[in-house]
Amino acid sequence: MHRALFLVTKMKTLPKLCKLLSIAMLLTGINGNACFAQFPGQDGHLVIAPHRYECMDLLELEKIKVDPQTQTITYPDIRLATDYVEVAGWLSGWFSAWNTNKNTGGNVTKGANMYPIMPWIFSYCRAHPSKNLEDAAFELLNAFRRDTRK
């Protein structure tokens, strides 16, 4: 009898829990999508990218000072620092996706994390201000491949 009562009680509260979980998942989805925008990629594929996707916008992130050893960001503007982390995270995901390609050997960045790579992205963007983050990432991928062939 005690088990039956527990089960009935559990079933009565389940719809509330499901509703709360559904709301939480919806809010999480909305929040996660708010950080990213969608753009057509180089060959027409869909790119889900951070808001700072264009090179001119990315160059604003050069103001951020990062200690590559500790990966500590020091900058008073929290929004700009958050954008920096967002772009570094996007690059991490982009290169991780390339690492799953059987033709890459599984380590296209040779173990480098994204914070020391960001100055390369800024340099590319200064030289190609009309380009975007995906273009810079492809060029960096090609640079890594050239270094591998040497």
Protein backbone atom coordinates (compact mmCIF):
# COMPACT_ATOMS: atom_id res chain seq x y z
CA MET A 1 0.00 0.00 0.00
CA HIS A 2 2.84 2.40 0.85
CA ARG A 3 4.48 1.85 -2.56
CA ALA A 4 1.17 2.45 -4.36
CA LEU A 5 0.67 5.74 -2.50
CA PHE A 6 4.22 6.83 -3.38
CA LEU A 7 3.61 5.99 -7.05
CA VAL A 8 0.30 7.91 -7.13
CA THR A 9 1.96 10.93 -5.50
CA LYS A 10 4.83 10.74 -7.96
CA MET A 11 2.45 10.59 -10.95
CA LYS A 12 0.53 13.65 -9.72
CA THR A 13 3.70 15.75 -9.55
CA LEU A 14 5.13 14.50 -12.84
CA PRO A 15 3.16 16.88 -15.11
CA LYS A 16 4.40 19.88 -13.11
CA LEU A 17 7.95 18.63 -13.39
CA CYS A 18 7.58 18.04 -17.12
CA LYS A 19 6.20 21.56 -17.56
CA LEU A 20 9.06 23.06 -15.58
CA LEU A 21 11.63 21.04 -17.52
CA SER A 22 10.04 22.07 -20.81
CA ILE A 23 10.17 25.73 -19.81
CA ALA A 24 13.78 25.39 -18.66
CA MET A 25 14.78 23.71 -21.93
CA LEU A 26 12.98 26.38 -23.95
CA LEU A 27 14.69 29.20 -22.05
CA THR A 28 18.05 27.50 -22.40
CA GLY A 29 17.49 27.12 -26.13
CA ILE A 30 16.47 30.74 -26.52
CA ASN A 31 19.44 31.91 -24.46
CA GLY A 32 21.89 29.72 -26.38
CA ASN A 33 20.57 30.88 -29.75
CA ALA A 34 20.71 34.53 -28.68
CA CYS A 35 24.52 34.32 -28.67
CA PHE A 36 24.81 33.21 -32.25
CA ALA A 37 23.67 34.28 -35.68
CA GLN A 38 23.38 32.30 -38.90
CA PHE A 39 25.24 33.18 -42.09
CA PRO A 40 25.72 31.50 -45.45
CA GLY A 41 29.22 30.00 -45.56
CA GLN A 42 31.80 29.98 -48.32
CA ASP A 43 30.09 27.28 -50.37
CA GLY A 44 26.52 28.11 -49.36
CA HIS A 45 26.44 25.97 -46.21
CA LEU A 46 24.90 27.40 -43.06
CA VAL A 47 27.34 28.79 -40.51
CA ILE A 48 26.17 29.36 -36.95
CA ALA A 49 28.57 32.02 -35.80
CA PRO A 50 29.05 34.52 -32.99
CA HIS A 51 27.66 38.02 -33.43
CA ARG A 52 31.17 39.36 -34.00
CA TYR A 53 31.58 37.52 -37.27
CA GLU A 54 32.78 40.22 -39.64
CA CYS A 55 36.46 41.17 -39.52
CA MET A 56 35.76 44.82 -38.76
CA ASP A 57 33.78 43.74 -35.66
CA LEU A 58 36.42 41.19 -34.65
CA LEU A 59 39.15 43.84 -34.63
CA GLU A 60 37.45 45.55 -31.68
CA LEU A 61 38.38 42.48 -29.63
CA GLU A 62 42.09 43.33 -29.96
CA LYS A 63 41.62 45.62 -26.95
CA ILE A 64 41.27 42.55 -24.76
CA LYS A 65 44.43 41.46 -22.96
CA VAL A 66 44.74 37.72 -22.40
CA ASP A 67 47.44 35.85 -20.55
CA PRO A 68 47.92 32.81 -22.83
CA GLN A 69 49.41 30.75 -20.00
CA THR A 70 46.57 31.21 -17.51
CA GLN A 71 43.95 32.17 -20.12
CA THR A 72 43.00 35.09 -17.87
CA ILE A 73 41.22 38.02 -19.49
CA THR A 74 41.71 41.49 -18.05
CA TYR A 75 39.44 44.15 -19.47
CA PRO A 76 36.87 46.35 -17.73
CA ASP A 77 34.14 45.99 -20.38
CA ILE A 78 32.42 42.69 -19.56
CA ARG A 79 30.50 42.63 -22.87
CA LEU A 80 33.65 42.91 -24.95
CA ALA A 81 35.36 40.25 -22.83
CA THR A 82 32.34 37.98 -23.24
CA ASP A 83 32.42 38.50 -27.01
CA TYR A 84 36.11 37.55 -26.99
CA VAL A 85 35.36 34.29 -25.17
CA GLU A 86 32.45 33.65 -27.54
CA VAL A 87 34.68 33.99 -30.61
CA ALA A 88 37.44 31.84 -29.06
CA GLY A 89 34.81 29.23 -28.21
CA TRP A 90 33.45 29.30 -31.75
CA LEU A 91 36.95 28.78 -33.13
CA SER A 92 37.47 25.90 -30.72
CA GLY A 93 34.31 24.23 -31.99
CA TRP A 94 35.17 24.92 -35.61
CA PHE A 95 38.62 23.35 -35.30
CA SER A 96 37.22 20.49 -33.23
CA ALA A 97 34.83 19.74 -36.08
CA TRP A 98 37.77 19.66 -38.49
CA ASN A 99 39.58 17.29 -36.14
CA THR A 100 36.82 14.74 -36.75
CA ASN A 101 37.69 14.66 -40.45
CA LYS A 102 39.68 11.50 -41.12
CA ASN A 103 41.97 13.39 -43.54
CA THR A 104 43.25 15.83 -40.90
CA GLY A 105 44.96 13.43 -38.54
CA GLY A 106 42.73 14.57 -35.67
CA ASN A 107 44.81 17.52 -34.47
CA VAL A 108 44.79 20.37 -36.95
CA THR A 109 45.88 23.01 -34.42
CA LYS A 110 48.74 20.88 -33.08
CA GLY A 111 47.36 21.18 -29.56
CA ALA A 112 47.22 24.99 -29.48
CA ASN A 113 44.30 26.52 -27.60
CA MET A 114 42.40 29.44 -29.07
CA TYR A 115 43.75 32.30 -26.95
CA PRO A 116 47.23 32.34 -28.57
CA ILE A 117 45.53 31.89 -31.96
CA MET A 118 43.40 35.03 -31.63
CA PRO A 119 46.26 37.42 -32.55
CA TRP A 120 46.61 35.50 -35.83
CA ILE A 121 42.89 36.04 -36.47
CA PHE A 122 43.29 39.78 -35.76
CA SER A 123 46.25 39.99 -38.12
CA TYR A 124 44.24 38.29 -40.86
CA CYS A 125 41.34 40.66 -40.28
CA ARG A 126 43.58 43.75 -40.45
CA ALA A 127 44.88 42.53 -43.82
CA HIS A 128 41.39 41.48 -45.06
CA PRO A 129 38.84 43.82 -43.41
CA SER A 130 36.01 42.79 -45.75
CA LYS A 131 36.35 39.10 -44.80
CA ASN A 132 34.84 37.28 -41.82
CA LEU A 133 35.63 34.81 -39.04
CA GLU A 134 35.03 31.73 -41.17
CA ASP A 135 37.40 33.05 -43.86
CA ALA A 136 40.04 33.68 -41.19
CA ALA A 137 39.52 30.19 -39.73
CA PHE A 138 39.93 28.59 -43.16
CA GLU A 139 43.12 30.55 -43.77
CA LEU A 140 44.47 29.51 -40.39
CA LEU A 141 43.57 25.89 -41.16
CA ASN A 142 45.50 26.18 -44.43
CA ALA A 143 48.46 27.70 -42.56
CA PHE A 144 48.46 24.75 -40.15
CA ARG A 145 48.38 22.38 -43.12
CA ARG A 146 51.30 24.18 -44.79
CA ASP A 147 53.31 23.92 -41.57
CA THR A 148 52.59 20.19 -41.42
CA ARG A 149 53.94 19.64 -44.93
CA LYS A 150 57.28 21.31 -44.15
